[in-house]
């Protein structure tokens, strides 16, 4: 018997009006981040303060939708406390999932919050089943965001070798290199 899970439409949201517009227009989930260095989409004038995100998550939950929060960049030297704080805030705000990339932040999250829903960011550049299953075994990831460079056949092959949920980009700019390794292209 073949069982197909409903496709979940996930849209980016850089501010409260775009979060509401995406959810009101049919998105099942929005993904976003804090307006700081812990978010790979940290662009001037976009992303959320703690209070704005609280309002956005409350809005989403009231209408039966979800918010995933990206903490998907890599701390340098002694800056990891800021990333820990973003994870702590995501948990306090009741984000439906935290999207992570860094091994140290994954370990912190799993050790401190074993029940939290963790997704592996495209920034981790995990594009083979051995890597994906490693992250599941050691960090309990529920989903992996795959790099856009994979073909449909490659994604089908992955589906046959892991039970981790697969998320794929339907559109967006293509990196010259695999996401999560963009500096290798420079």
Protein backbone atom coordinates (compact mmCIF):
# COMPACT_ATOMS: atom_id res chain seq x y z
CA UNK A 1 0.00 0.00 0.00
CA UNK A 2 1.45 3.36 -1.02
CA UNK A 3 0.73 6.24 1.34
CA UNK A 4 1.47 9.78 0.24
CA UNK A 5 1.77 12.50 2.82
CA UNK A 6 0.13 15.85 2.03
CA UNK A 7 2.58 18.36 0.63
CA UNK A 8 3.18 21.23 3.02
CA UNK A 9 3.56 24.68 1.44
CA UNK A 10 6.23 26.61 3.33
CA UNK A 11 6.87 30.26 2.48
CA UNK A 12 9.48 32.72 3.74
CA UNK A 13 8.35 35.72 5.77
CA UNK A 14 10.57 38.69 6.51
CA UNK A 15 8.12 40.73 8.58
CA UNK A 16 4.73 40.51 10.25
CA UNK A 17 2.66 41.72 7.25
CA UNK A 18 4.34 39.17 4.95
CA UNK A 19 3.84 36.39 7.54
CA UNK A 20 0.11 37.15 7.72
CA UNK A 21 -0.21 37.53 3.94
CA UNK A 22 1.51 34.18 3.28
CA UNK A 23 -0.64 32.32 5.79
CA UNK A 24 -3.86 34.05 4.71
CA UNK A 25 -3.07 33.21 1.06
CA UNK A 26 -2.69 29.48 1.55
CA UNK A 27 0.73 28.74 3.02
CA UNK A 28 0.63 25.99 5.65
CA UNK A 29 3.81 27.26 7.28
CA UNK A 30 6.10 30.27 7.17
CA UNK A 31 9.76 30.13 7.97
CA UNK A 32 11.58 33.12 9.33
CA UNK A 33 14.28 34.14 11.74
CA UNK A 34 15.40 36.75 14.19
CA UNK A 35 16.87 40.00 12.88
CA UNK A 36 20.42 39.07 13.83
CA UNK A 37 23.43 37.02 12.73
CA UNK A 38 21.82 33.70 13.70
CA UNK A 39 19.63 33.78 10.57
CA UNK A 40 21.06 33.17 7.07
CA UNK A 41 18.37 35.44 5.58
CA UNK A 42 19.34 38.36 7.81
CA UNK A 43 18.81 41.26 5.44
CA UNK A 44 18.49 44.94 6.33
CA UNK A 45 14.94 45.78 7.37
CA UNK A 46 13.74 42.18 7.46
CA UNK A 47 13.11 39.57 10.10
CA UNK A 48 11.70 39.62 13.55
CA UNK A 49 12.29 40.97 17.00
CA UNK A 50 11.25 38.70 19.86
CA UNK A 51 7.94 40.57 20.33
CA UNK A 52 7.11 40.61 16.60
CA UNK A 53 7.75 36.90 16.38
CA UNK A 54 5.54 36.24 19.40
CA UNK A 55 2.72 38.06 17.62
CA UNK A 56 3.38 36.18 14.37
CA UNK A 57 3.44 32.75 16.02
CA UNK A 58 0.30 33.54 18.01
CA UNK A 59 -1.44 34.60 14.79
CA UNK A 60 -0.34 31.44 12.95
CA UNK A 61 -1.46 29.14 15.75
CA UNK A 62 -4.86 30.87 16.03
CA UNK A 63 -5.60 30.01 12.40
CA UNK A 64 -4.17 26.48 12.57
CA UNK A 65 -0.88 27.24 10.80
CA UNK A 66 2.79 26.88 11.77
CA UNK A 67 5.98 28.91 12.04
CA UNK A 68 9.46 27.41 11.60
CA UNK A 69 12.34 29.48 12.93
CA UNK A 70 15.77 29.40 11.28
CA UNK A 71 18.85 29.57 13.49
CA UNK A 72 20.96 28.38 10.62
CA UNK A 73 24.25 30.22 10.51
CA UNK A 74 27.57 29.35 12.08
CA UNK A 75 28.90 30.99 15.25
CA UNK A 76 32.51 32.08 15.14
CA UNK A 77 34.87 31.73 18.09
CA UNK A 78 33.05 32.75 21.30
CA UNK A 79 29.80 34.04 19.75
CA UNK A 80 27.89 30.77 20.31
CA UNK A 81 25.95 32.24 23.28
CA UNK A 82 23.94 34.37 20.83
CA UNK A 83 22.93 31.21 18.93
CA UNK A 84 22.02 29.44 22.17
CA UNK A 85 19.88 32.47 23.05
CA UNK A 86 18.07 32.29 19.71
CA UNK A 87 17.32 28.60 20.27
CA UNK A 88 16.10 29.37 23.80
CA UNK A 89 13.87 32.15 22.46
CA UNK A 90 12.47 29.94 19.69
CA UNK A 91 11.47 27.37 22.32
CA UNK A 92 9.97 30.04 24.61
CA UNK A 93 7.96 31.45 21.68
CA UNK A 94 6.63 27.97 20.84
CA UNK A 95 8.00 27.81 17.30
CA UNK A 96 6.76 24.66 15.58
CA UNK A 97 10.28 23.72 14.44
CA UNK A 98 13.79 25.12 14.70
CA UNK A 99 15.86 24.94 11.53
CA UNK A 100 19.53 24.38 12.44
CA UNK A 101 22.81 23.87 10.59
CA UNK A 102 25.75 23.97 13.04
CA UNK A 103 26.77 20.78 14.86
CA UNK A 104 27.40 22.59 18.15
CA UNK A 105 24.02 24.33 18.05
CA UNK A 106 22.33 21.03 17.12
CA UNK A 107 23.97 19.38 20.14
CA UNK A 108 22.96 22.24 22.46
CA UNK A 109 19.38 22.11 21.23
CA UNK A 110 19.03 18.34 21.52
CA UNK A 111 20.68 18.23 24.98
CA UNK A 112 18.62 21.08 26.43
CA UNK A 113 15.35 20.51 24.55
CA UNK A 114 15.05 16.80 23.65
CA UNK A 115 11.37 17.22 22.71
CA UNK A 116 11.79 20.08 20.26
CA UNK A 117 11.14 19.57 16.53
CA UNK A 118 14.49 20.04 14.77
CA UNK A 119 14.90 20.43 11.02
CA UNK A 120 18.29 20.40 9.32
CA UNK A 121 18.88 23.55 7.30
CA UNK A 122 20.00 23.56 3.70
CA UNK A 123 23.01 25.43 5.12
CA UNK A 124 24.25 22.10 6.56
CA UNK A 125 24.59 20.88 2.95
CA UNK A 126 23.34 17.39 3.70
CA UNK A 127 22.55 15.79 0.37
CA UNK A 128 23.16 12.06 0.81
CA UNK A 129 21.32 9.47 2.87
CA UNK A 130 24.31 8.60 5.07
CA UNK A 131 24.64 12.22 6.18
CA UNK A 132 20.91 12.62 6.68
CA UNK A 133 20.68 9.42 8.73
CA UNK A 134 23.70 10.55 10.79
CA UNK A 135 21.89 13.75 11.73
CA UNK A 136 18.77 11.76 12.61
CA UNK A 137 20.68 9.29 14.78
CA UNK A 138 22.75 11.86 16.67
CA UNK A 139 20.45 14.90 16.74
CA UNK A 140 16.95 13.54 16.18
CA UNK A 141 16.20 15.65 13.12
CA UNK A 142 12.70 15.15 11.75
CA UNK A 143 13.28 16.89 8.39
CA UNK A 144 16.12 17.90 6.11
CA UNK A 145 16.00 20.83 3.70
CA UNK A 146 17.73 19.56 0.57
CA UNK A 147 20.00 21.63 -1.66
CA UNK A 148 18.31 22.85 -4.84
CA UNK A 149 20.94 21.16 -7.01
CA UNK A 150 19.49 17.66 -6.50
CA UNK A 151 17.46 16.15 -9.31
CA UNK A 152 14.03 14.59 -8.82
CA UNK A 153 15.56 11.13 -9.36
CA UNK A 154 18.19 11.83 -6.70
CA UNK A 155 15.46 12.92 -4.27
CA UNK A 156 13.51 9.73 -5.00
CA UNK A 157 16.62 7.69 -4.25
CA UNK A 158 17.06 9.54 -0.94
CA UNK A 159 13.40 8.89 -0.07
CA UNK A 160 14.07 5.16 -0.43
CA UNK A 161 17.02 5.24 2.00
CA UNK A 162 15.84 7.48 4.84
CA UNK A 163 12.63 8.06 6.74
CA UNK A 164 13.56 11.67 7.53
CA UNK A 165 11.08 14.09 5.94
CA UNK A 166 12.47 15.80 2.84
CA UNK A 167 11.89 19.47 2.11
CA UNK A 168 12.81 20.91 -1.26
CA UNK A 169 12.86 24.41 -2.71
CA UNK A 170 10.39 24.88 -5.54
CA UNK A 171 12.00 28.13 -6.65
CA UNK A 172 14.78 30.50 -5.81
CA UNK A 173 18.25 31.43 -6.96
CA UNK A 174 20.64 28.61 -7.67
CA UNK A 175 24.07 28.76 -6.09
CA UNK A 176 27.05 27.99 -8.30
CA UNK A 177 27.93 25.51 -5.59
CA UNK A 178 25.80 23.50 -3.17
CA UNK A 179 23.95 25.55 -0.55
CA UNK A 180 25.81 25.72 2.71
CA UNK A 181 29.10 25.76 0.81
CA UNK A 182 28.62 29.04 -1.07
CA UNK A 183 32.00 30.52 -0.14
CA UNK A 184 33.63 27.71 -2.09
CA UNK A 185 32.25 29.44 -5.21
CA UNK A 186 33.86 32.81 -4.57
